[in-house]
Amino acid sequence: FILMVFGFVLGGGGNPVVSPLVGPG
C-alpha cells in the first residue's frame, strides 16, 4: 500500500511504461 500510494505521489513519472516491448538483443 505504501509503495503504491507514495510511488505515484513522490515519483517523477517520466519513465517509459508500455514501450518498447523488448530491448536490443
mmCIF file of all heavy atoms, coordinates in Angstrom:
data_MODEL
# 
_entry.id   MODEL 
# 
loop_
_atom_site.group_PDB 
_atom_site.id 
_atom_site.type_symbol 
_atom_site.label_atom_id 
_atom_site.label_alt_id 
_atom_site.label_comp_id 
_atom_site.label_asym_id 
_atom_site.label_entity_id 
_atom_site.label_seq_id 
_atom_site.pdbx_PDB_ins_code 
_atom_site.Cartn_x 
_atom_site.Cartn_y 
_atom_site.Cartn_z 
_atom_site.occupancy 
_atom_site.B_iso_or_equiv 
_atom_site.pdbx_formal_charge 
_atom_site.auth_seq_id 
_atom_site.auth_comp_id 
_atom_site.auth_asym_id 
_atom_site.auth_atom_id 
_atom_site.pdbx_PDB_model_num 
ATOM 1   N N   . PHE A 1 1  ? 0.833  -1.206  0.000   1.00 0.00 ? 1  PHE A N   1 
ATOM 2   C CA  . PHE A 1 1  ? 0.000  0.000   0.000   1.00 0.00 ? 1  PHE A CA  1 
ATOM 3   C C   . PHE A 1 1  ? 0.866  1.254   0.000   1.00 0.00 ? 1  PHE A C   1 
ATOM 4   O O   . PHE A 1 1  ? 0.623  2.205   -0.761  1.00 0.00 ? 1  PHE A O   1 
ATOM 5   C CB  . PHE A 1 1  ? -0.925 -0.017  1.225   1.00 0.00 ? 1  PHE A CB  1 
ATOM 6   C CG  . PHE A 1 1  ? -1.805 1.191   1.339   1.00 0.00 ? 1  PHE A CG  1 
ATOM 7   C CD1 . PHE A 1 1  ? -2.931 1.316   0.543   1.00 0.00 ? 1  PHE A CD1 1 
ATOM 8   C CD2 . PHE A 1 1  ? -1.506 2.212   2.233   1.00 0.00 ? 1  PHE A CD2 1 
ATOM 9   C CE1 . PHE A 1 1  ? -3.748 2.434   0.637   1.00 0.00 ? 1  PHE A CE1 1 
ATOM 10  C CE2 . PHE A 1 1  ? -2.310 3.325   2.338   1.00 0.00 ? 1  PHE A CE2 1 
ATOM 11  C CZ  . PHE A 1 1  ? -3.435 3.439   1.540   1.00 0.00 ? 1  PHE A CZ  1 
ATOM 12  N N   . ILE A 1 2  ? 1.900  1.275   0.846   1.00 0.00 ? 2  ILE A N   1 
ATOM 13  C CA  . ILE A 1 2  ? 2.755  2.461   0.948   1.00 0.00 ? 2  ILE A CA  1 
ATOM 14  C C   . ILE A 1 2  ? 3.479  2.730   -0.374  1.00 0.00 ? 2  ILE A C   1 
ATOM 15  O O   . ILE A 1 2  ? 3.541  3.872   -0.849  1.00 0.00 ? 2  ILE A O   1 
ATOM 16  C CB  . ILE A 1 2  ? 3.771  2.274   2.093   1.00 0.00 ? 2  ILE A CB  1 
ATOM 17  C CG1 . ILE A 1 2  ? 3.046  2.317   3.443   1.00 0.00 ? 2  ILE A CG1 1 
ATOM 18  C CG2 . ILE A 1 2  ? 4.858  3.358   2.041   1.00 0.00 ? 2  ILE A CG2 1 
ATOM 19  C CD1 . ILE A 1 2  ? 3.939  2.015   4.632   1.00 0.00 ? 2  ILE A CD1 1 
ATOM 20  N N   . LEU A 1 3  ? 4.017  1.671   -0.980  1.00 0.00 ? 3  LEU A N   1 
ATOM 21  C CA  . LEU A 1 3  ? 4.762  1.852   -2.227  1.00 0.00 ? 3  LEU A CA  1 
ATOM 22  C C   . LEU A 1 3  ? 3.846  2.307   -3.362  1.00 0.00 ? 3  LEU A C   1 
ATOM 23  O O   . LEU A 1 3  ? 4.237  3.133   -4.200  1.00 0.00 ? 3  LEU A O   1 
ATOM 24  C CB  . LEU A 1 3  ? 5.473  0.555   -2.609  1.00 0.00 ? 3  LEU A CB  1 
ATOM 25  C CG  . LEU A 1 3  ? 6.669  0.174   -1.726  1.00 0.00 ? 3  LEU A CG  1 
ATOM 26  C CD1 . LEU A 1 3  ? 7.181  -1.213  -2.099  1.00 0.00 ? 3  LEU A CD1 1 
ATOM 27  C CD2 . LEU A 1 3  ? 7.778  1.204   -1.850  1.00 0.00 ? 3  LEU A CD2 1 
ATOM 28  N N   . MET A 1 4  ? 2.624  1.789   -3.398  1.00 0.00 ? 4  MET A N   1 
ATOM 29  C CA  . MET A 1 4  ? 1.691  2.195   -4.452  1.00 0.00 ? 4  MET A CA  1 
ATOM 30  C C   . MET A 1 4  ? 1.319  3.669   -4.309  1.00 0.00 ? 4  MET A C   1 
ATOM 31  O O   . MET A 1 4  ? 1.361  4.434   -5.269  1.00 0.00 ? 4  MET A O   1 
ATOM 32  C CB  . MET A 1 4  ? 0.428  1.325   -4.416  1.00 0.00 ? 4  MET A CB  1 
ATOM 33  C CG  . MET A 1 4  ? 0.563  0.021   -5.164  1.00 0.00 ? 4  MET A CG  1 
ATOM 34  S SD  . MET A 1 4  ? -1.026 -0.814  -5.414  1.00 0.00 ? 4  MET A SD  1 
ATOM 35  C CE  . MET A 1 4  ? -1.415 -1.344  -3.761  1.00 0.00 ? 4  MET A CE  1 
ATOM 36  N N   . VAL A 1 5  ? 0.959  4.085   -3.100  1.00 0.00 ? 5  VAL A N   1 
ATOM 37  C CA  . VAL A 1 5  ? 0.494  5.454   -2.892  1.00 0.00 ? 5  VAL A CA  1 
ATOM 38  C C   . VAL A 1 5  ? 1.634  6.462   -3.091  1.00 0.00 ? 5  VAL A C   1 
ATOM 39  O O   . VAL A 1 5  ? 1.532  7.397   -3.899  1.00 0.00 ? 5  VAL A O   1 
ATOM 40  C CB  . VAL A 1 5  ? -0.120 5.608   -1.485  1.00 0.00 ? 5  VAL A CB  1 
ATOM 41  C CG1 . VAL A 1 5  ? -0.426 7.088   -1.199  1.00 0.00 ? 5  VAL A CG1 1 
ATOM 42  C CG2 . VAL A 1 5  ? -1.386 4.779   -1.376  1.00 0.00 ? 5  VAL A CG2 1 
ATOM 43  N N   . PHE A 1 6  ? 2.737  6.233   -2.374  1.00 0.00 ? 6  PHE A N   1 
ATOM 44  C CA  . PHE A 1 6  ? 3.808  7.227   -2.404  1.00 0.00 ? 6  PHE A CA  1 
ATOM 45  C C   . PHE A 1 6  ? 4.648  7.143   -3.678  1.00 0.00 ? 6  PHE A C   1 
ATOM 46  O O   . PHE A 1 6  ? 5.305  8.122   -4.047  1.00 0.00 ? 6  PHE A O   1 
ATOM 47  C CB  . PHE A 1 6  ? 4.686  7.074   -1.163  1.00 0.00 ? 6  PHE A CB  1 
ATOM 48  C CG  . PHE A 1 6  ? 4.020  7.563   0.091   1.00 0.00 ? 6  PHE A CG  1 
ATOM 49  C CD1 . PHE A 1 6  ? 3.343  6.677   0.919   1.00 0.00 ? 6  PHE A CD1 1 
ATOM 50  C CD2 . PHE A 1 6  ? 4.038  8.903   0.423   1.00 0.00 ? 6  PHE A CD2 1 
ATOM 51  C CE1 . PHE A 1 6  ? 2.718  7.124   2.069   1.00 0.00 ? 6  PHE A CE1 1 
ATOM 52  C CE2 . PHE A 1 6  ? 3.411  9.366   1.569   1.00 0.00 ? 6  PHE A CE2 1 
ATOM 53  C CZ  . PHE A 1 6  ? 2.747  8.473   2.396   1.00 0.00 ? 6  PHE A CZ  1 
ATOM 54  N N   . GLY A 1 7  ? 4.614  5.976   -4.345  1.00 0.00 ? 7  GLY A N   1 
ATOM 55  C CA  . GLY A 1 7  ? 5.300  5.890   -5.628  1.00 0.00 ? 7  GLY A CA  1 
ATOM 56  C C   . GLY A 1 7  ? 4.730  6.870   -6.637  1.00 0.00 ? 7  GLY A C   1 
ATOM 57  O O   . GLY A 1 7  ? 5.476  7.545   -7.358  1.00 0.00 ? 7  GLY A O   1 
ATOM 58  N N   . PHE A 1 8  ? 3.388  6.996   -6.655  1.00 0.00 ? 8  PHE A N   1 
ATOM 59  C CA  . PHE A 1 8  ? 2.752  7.921   -7.589  1.00 0.00 ? 8  PHE A CA  1 
ATOM 60  C C   . PHE A 1 8  ? 2.850  9.369   -7.105  1.00 0.00 ? 8  PHE A C   1 
ATOM 61  O O   . PHE A 1 8  ? 2.957  10.299  -7.899  1.00 0.00 ? 8  PHE A O   1 
ATOM 62  C CB  . PHE A 1 8  ? 1.288  7.542   -7.798  1.00 0.00 ? 8  PHE A CB  1 
ATOM 63  C CG  . PHE A 1 8  ? 1.097  6.275   -8.577  1.00 0.00 ? 8  PHE A CG  1 
ATOM 64  C CD1 . PHE A 1 8  ? 0.505  5.166   -7.999  1.00 0.00 ? 8  PHE A CD1 1 
ATOM 65  C CD2 . PHE A 1 8  ? 1.545  6.165   -9.884  1.00 0.00 ? 8  PHE A CD2 1 
ATOM 66  C CE1 . PHE A 1 8  ? 0.329  3.991   -8.711  1.00 0.00 ? 8  PHE A CE1 1 
ATOM 67  C CE2 . PHE A 1 8  ? 1.381  4.993   -10.605 1.00 0.00 ? 8  PHE A CE2 1 
ATOM 68  C CZ  . PHE A 1 8  ? 0.773  3.901   -10.017 1.00 0.00 ? 8  PHE A CZ  1 
ATOM 69  N N   . VAL A 1 9  ? 2.800  9.555   -5.767  1.00 0.00 ? 9  VAL A N   1 
ATOM 70  C CA  . VAL A 1 9  ? 2.817  10.917  -5.226  1.00 0.00 ? 9  VAL A CA  1 
ATOM 71  C C   . VAL A 1 9  ? 4.207  11.540  -5.327  1.00 0.00 ? 9  VAL A C   1 
ATOM 72  O O   . VAL A 1 9  ? 4.365  12.704  -5.720  1.00 0.00 ? 9  VAL A O   1 
ATOM 73  C CB  . VAL A 1 9  ? 2.339  10.909  -3.761  1.00 0.00 ? 9  VAL A CB  1 
ATOM 74  C CG1 . VAL A 1 9  ? 2.526  12.290  -3.127  1.00 0.00 ? 9  VAL A CG1 1 
ATOM 75  C CG2 . VAL A 1 9  ? 0.876  10.492  -3.685  1.00 0.00 ? 9  VAL A CG2 1 
ATOM 76  N N   . LEU A 1 10 ? 5.237  10.741  -4.993  1.00 0.00 ? 10 LEU A N   1 
ATOM 77  C CA  . LEU A 1 10 ? 6.589  11.280  -4.908  1.00 0.00 ? 10 LEU A CA  1 
ATOM 78  C C   . LEU A 1 10 ? 7.465  10.946  -6.112  1.00 0.00 ? 10 LEU A C   1 
ATOM 79  O O   . LEU A 1 10 ? 8.524  11.548  -6.285  1.00 0.00 ? 10 LEU A O   1 
ATOM 80  C CB  . LEU A 1 10 ? 7.278  10.762  -3.632  1.00 0.00 ? 10 LEU A CB  1 
ATOM 81  C CG  . LEU A 1 10 ? 6.579  11.071  -2.305  1.00 0.00 ? 10 LEU A CG  1 
ATOM 82  C CD1 . LEU A 1 10 ? 7.353  10.448  -1.146  1.00 0.00 ? 10 LEU A CD1 1 
ATOM 83  C CD2 . LEU A 1 10 ? 6.443  12.584  -2.108  1.00 0.00 ? 10 LEU A CD2 1 
ATOM 84  N N   . GLY A 1 11 ? 7.027  9.993   -6.936  1.00 0.00 ? 11 GLY A N   1 
ATOM 85  C CA  . GLY A 1 11 ? 7.838  9.594   -8.088  1.00 0.00 ? 11 GLY A CA  1 
ATOM 86  C C   . GLY A 1 11 ? 7.805  10.631  -9.198  1.00 0.00 ? 11 GLY A C   1 
ATOM 87  O O   . GLY A 1 11 ? 6.892  11.468  -9.280  1.00 0.00 ? 11 GLY A O   1 
ATOM 88  N N   . GLY A 1 12 ? 8.798  10.551  -10.075 1.00 0.00 ? 12 GLY A N   1 
ATOM 89  C CA  . GLY A 1 12 ? 8.877  11.532  -11.166 1.00 0.00 ? 12 GLY A CA  1 
ATOM 90  C C   . GLY A 1 12 ? 7.876  11.292  -12.267 1.00 0.00 ? 12 GLY A C   1 
ATOM 91  O O   . GLY A 1 12 ? 7.309  12.227  -12.828 1.00 0.00 ? 12 GLY A O   1 
ATOM 92  N N   . GLY A 1 13 ? 7.633  10.043  -12.618 1.00 0.00 ? 13 GLY A N   1 
ATOM 93  C CA  . GLY A 1 13 ? 6.628  9.710   -13.618 1.00 0.00 ? 13 GLY A CA  1 
ATOM 94  C C   . GLY A 1 13 ? 7.029  9.956   -15.050 1.00 0.00 ? 13 GLY A C   1 
ATOM 95  O O   . GLY A 1 13 ? 6.183  9.922   -15.934 1.00 0.00 ? 13 GLY A O   1 
ATOM 96  N N   . GLY A 1 14 ? 8.301  10.184  -15.312 1.00 0.00 ? 14 GLY A N   1 
ATOM 97  C CA  . GLY A 1 14 ? 8.700  10.462  -16.687 1.00 0.00 ? 14 GLY A CA  1 
ATOM 98  C C   . GLY A 1 14 ? 9.300  9.275   -17.408 1.00 0.00 ? 14 GLY A C   1 
ATOM 99  O O   . GLY A 1 14 ? 9.785  9.417   -18.536 1.00 0.00 ? 14 GLY A O   1 
ATOM 100 N N   . ASN A 1 15 ? 9.275  8.089   -16.811 1.00 0.00 ? 15 ASN A N   1 
ATOM 101 C CA  . ASN A 1 15 ? 9.891  6.911   -17.424 1.00 0.00 ? 15 ASN A CA  1 
ATOM 102 C C   . ASN A 1 15 ? 8.915  6.200   -18.350 1.00 0.00 ? 15 ASN A C   1 
ATOM 103 O O   . ASN A 1 15 ? 7.705  6.197   -18.113 1.00 0.00 ? 15 ASN A O   1 
ATOM 104 C CB  . ASN A 1 15 ? 10.354 5.942   -16.333 1.00 0.00 ? 15 ASN A CB  1 
ATOM 105 C CG  . ASN A 1 15 ? 11.296 6.595   -15.337 1.00 0.00 ? 15 ASN A CG  1 
ATOM 106 O OD1 . ASN A 1 15 ? 12.154 7.376   -15.723 1.00 0.00 ? 15 ASN A OD1 1 
ATOM 107 N ND2 . ASN A 1 15 ? 11.122 6.289   -14.060 1.00 0.00 ? 15 ASN A ND2 1 
ATOM 108 N N   . PRO A 1 16 ? 9.401  5.545   -19.422 1.00 0.00 ? 16 PRO A N   1 
ATOM 109 C CA  . PRO A 1 16 ? 8.511  4.788   -20.304 1.00 0.00 ? 16 PRO A CA  1 
ATOM 110 C C   . PRO A 1 16 ? 7.866  3.629   -19.570 1.00 0.00 ? 16 PRO A C   1 
ATOM 111 O O   . PRO A 1 16 ? 8.481  3.017   -18.691 1.00 0.00 ? 16 PRO A O   1 
ATOM 112 C CB  . PRO A 1 16 ? 9.442  4.308   -21.423 1.00 0.00 ? 16 PRO A CB  1 
ATOM 113 C CG  . PRO A 1 16 ? 10.818 4.391   -20.861 1.00 0.00 ? 16 PRO A CG  1 
ATOM 114 C CD  . PRO A 1 16 ? 10.802 5.503   -19.879 1.00 0.00 ? 16 PRO A CD  1 
ATOM 115 N N   . VAL A 1 17 ? 6.629  3.310   -19.966 1.00 0.00 ? 17 VAL A N   1 
ATOM 116 C CA  . VAL A 1 17 ? 5.858  2.282   -19.272 1.00 0.00 ? 17 VAL A CA  1 
ATOM 117 C C   . VAL A 1 17 ? 5.430  1.152   -20.206 1.00 0.00 ? 17 VAL A C   1 
ATOM 118 O O   . VAL A 1 17 ? 5.483  -0.025  -19.826 1.00 0.00 ? 17 VAL A O   1 
ATOM 119 C CB  . VAL A 1 17 ? 4.606  2.905   -18.613 1.00 0.00 ? 17 VAL A CB  1 
ATOM 120 C CG1 . VAL A 1 17 ? 3.697  1.828   -18.048 1.00 0.00 ? 17 VAL A CG1 1 
ATOM 121 C CG2 . VAL A 1 17 ? 5.014  3.878   -17.519 1.00 0.00 ? 17 VAL A CG2 1 
ATOM 122 N N   . VAL A 1 18 ? 5.008  1.472   -21.429 1.00 0.00 ? 18 VAL A N   1 
ATOM 123 C CA  . VAL A 1 18 ? 4.450  0.452   -22.321 1.00 0.00 ? 18 VAL A CA  1 
ATOM 124 C C   . VAL A 1 18 ? 5.302  0.186   -23.555 1.00 0.00 ? 18 VAL A C   1 
ATOM 125 O O   . VAL A 1 18 ? 5.016  -0.733  -24.328 1.00 0.00 ? 18 VAL A O   1 
ATOM 126 C CB  . VAL A 1 18 ? 3.021  0.826   -22.756 1.00 0.00 ? 18 VAL A CB  1 
ATOM 127 C CG1 . VAL A 1 18 ? 2.096  0.843   -21.553 1.00 0.00 ? 18 VAL A CG1 1 
ATOM 128 C CG2 . VAL A 1 18 ? 3.000  2.173   -23.468 1.00 0.00 ? 18 VAL A CG2 1 
ATOM 129 N N   . SER A 1 19 ? 6.331  0.962   -23.768 1.00 0.00 ? 19 SER A N   1 
ATOM 130 C CA  . SER A 1 19 ? 7.176  0.744   -24.934 1.00 0.00 ? 19 SER A CA  1 
ATOM 131 C C   . SER A 1 19 ? 8.617  1.107   -24.586 1.00 0.00 ? 19 SER A C   1 
ATOM 132 O O   . SER A 1 19 ? 8.851  1.948   -23.715 1.00 0.00 ? 19 SER A O   1 
ATOM 133 C CB  . SER A 1 19 ? 6.686  1.577   -26.119 1.00 0.00 ? 19 SER A CB  1 
ATOM 134 O OG  . SER A 1 19 ? 6.826  2.968   -25.829 1.00 0.00 ? 19 SER A OG  1 
ATOM 135 N N   . PRO A 1 20 ? 9.586  0.456   -25.244 1.00 0.00 ? 20 PRO A N   1 
ATOM 136 C CA  . PRO A 1 20 ? 9.404  -0.624  -26.214 1.00 0.00 ? 20 PRO A CA  1 
ATOM 137 C C   . PRO A 1 20 ? 9.042  -1.949  -25.526 1.00 0.00 ? 20 PRO A C   1 
ATOM 138 O O   . PRO A 1 20 ? 9.187  -2.079  -24.319 1.00 0.00 ? 20 PRO A O   1 
ATOM 139 C CB  . PRO A 1 20 ? 10.766 -0.708  -26.882 1.00 0.00 ? 20 PRO A CB  1 
ATOM 140 C CG  . PRO A 1 20 ? 11.721 -0.272  -25.816 1.00 0.00 ? 20 PRO A CG  1 
ATOM 141 C CD  . PRO A 1 20 ? 11.013 0.791   -25.032 1.00 0.00 ? 20 PRO A CD  1 
ATOM 142 N N   . LEU A 1 21 ? 8.577  -2.916  -26.341 1.00 0.00 ? 21 LEU A N   1 
ATOM 143 C CA  . LEU A 1 21 ? 8.233  -4.228  -25.793 1.00 0.00 ? 21 LEU A CA  1 
ATOM 144 C C   . LEU A 1 21 ? 9.468  -4.919  -25.245 1.00 0.00 ? 21 LEU A C   1 
ATOM 145 O O   . LEU A 1 21 ? 9.471  -5.430  -24.116 1.00 0.00 ? 21 LEU A O   1 
ATOM 146 C CB  . LEU A 1 21 ? 7.581  -5.108  -26.868 1.00 0.00 ? 21 LEU A CB  1 
ATOM 147 C CG  . LEU A 1 21 ? 6.074  -4.983  -27.061 1.00 0.00 ? 21 LEU A CG  1 
ATOM 148 C CD1 . LEU A 1 21 ? 5.617  -5.940  -28.143 1.00 0.00 ? 21 LEU A CD1 1 
ATOM 149 C CD2 . LEU A 1 21 ? 5.318  -5.254  -25.766 1.00 0.00 ? 21 LEU A CD2 1 
ATOM 150 N N   . VAL A 1 22 ? 10.520 -5.007  -26.041 1.00 0.00 ? 22 VAL A N   1 
ATOM 151 C CA  . VAL A 1 22 ? 11.769 -5.648  -25.619 1.00 0.00 ? 22 VAL A CA  1 
ATOM 152 C C   . VAL A 1 22 ? 12.940 -4.756  -26.024 1.00 0.00 ? 22 VAL A C   1 
ATOM 153 O O   . VAL A 1 22 ? 12.824 -3.932  -26.933 1.00 0.00 ? 22 VAL A O   1 
ATOM 154 C CB  . VAL A 1 22 ? 11.940 -7.061  -26.229 1.00 0.00 ? 22 VAL A CB  1 
ATOM 155 C CG1 . VAL A 1 22 ? 10.875 -8.005  -25.719 1.00 0.00 ? 22 VAL A CG1 1 
ATOM 156 C CG2 . VAL A 1 22 ? 11.915 -7.004  -27.747 1.00 0.00 ? 22 VAL A CG2 1 
ATOM 157 N N   . GLY A 1 23 ? 14.065 -4.955  -25.333 1.00 0.00 ? 23 GLY A N   1 
ATOM 158 C CA  . GLY A 1 23 ? 15.246 -4.180  -25.622 1.00 0.00 ? 23 GLY A CA  1 
ATOM 159 C C   . GLY A 1 23 ? 16.120 -4.846  -26.672 1.00 0.00 ? 23 GLY A C   1 
ATOM 160 O O   . GLY A 1 23 ? 15.805 -5.945  -27.169 1.00 0.00 ? 23 GLY A O   1 
ATOM 161 N N   . PRO A 1 24 ? 17.236 -4.234  -27.038 1.00 0.00 ? 24 PRO A N   1 
ATOM 162 C CA  . PRO A 1 24 ? 18.144 -4.812  -28.027 1.00 0.00 ? 24 PRO A CA  1 
ATOM 163 C C   . PRO A 1 24 ? 18.652 -6.183  -27.580 1.00 0.00 ? 24 PRO A C   1 
ATOM 164 O O   . PRO A 1 24 ? 19.018 -6.383  -26.427 1.00 0.00 ? 24 PRO A O   1 
ATOM 165 C CB  . PRO A 1 24 ? 19.294 -3.790  -28.080 1.00 0.00 ? 24 PRO A CB  1 
ATOM 166 C CG  . PRO A 1 24 ? 18.717 -2.520  -27.542 1.00 0.00 ? 24 PRO A CG  1 
ATOM 167 C CD  . PRO A 1 24 ? 17.695 -2.922  -26.538 1.00 0.00 ? 24 PRO A CD  1 
ATOM 168 N N   . GLY A 1 25 ? 18.639 -7.135  -28.515 1.00 0.00 ? 25 GLY A N   1 
ATOM 169 C CA  . GLY A 1 25 ? 19.157 -8.462  -28.233 1.00 0.00 ? 25 GLY A CA  1 
ATOM 170 C C   . GLY A 1 25 ? 18.156 -9.413  -27.621 1.00 0.00 ? 25 GLY A C   1 
ATOM 171 O O   . GLY A 1 25 ? 18.450 -10.612 -27.455 1.00 0.00 ? 25 GLY A O   1 
# 
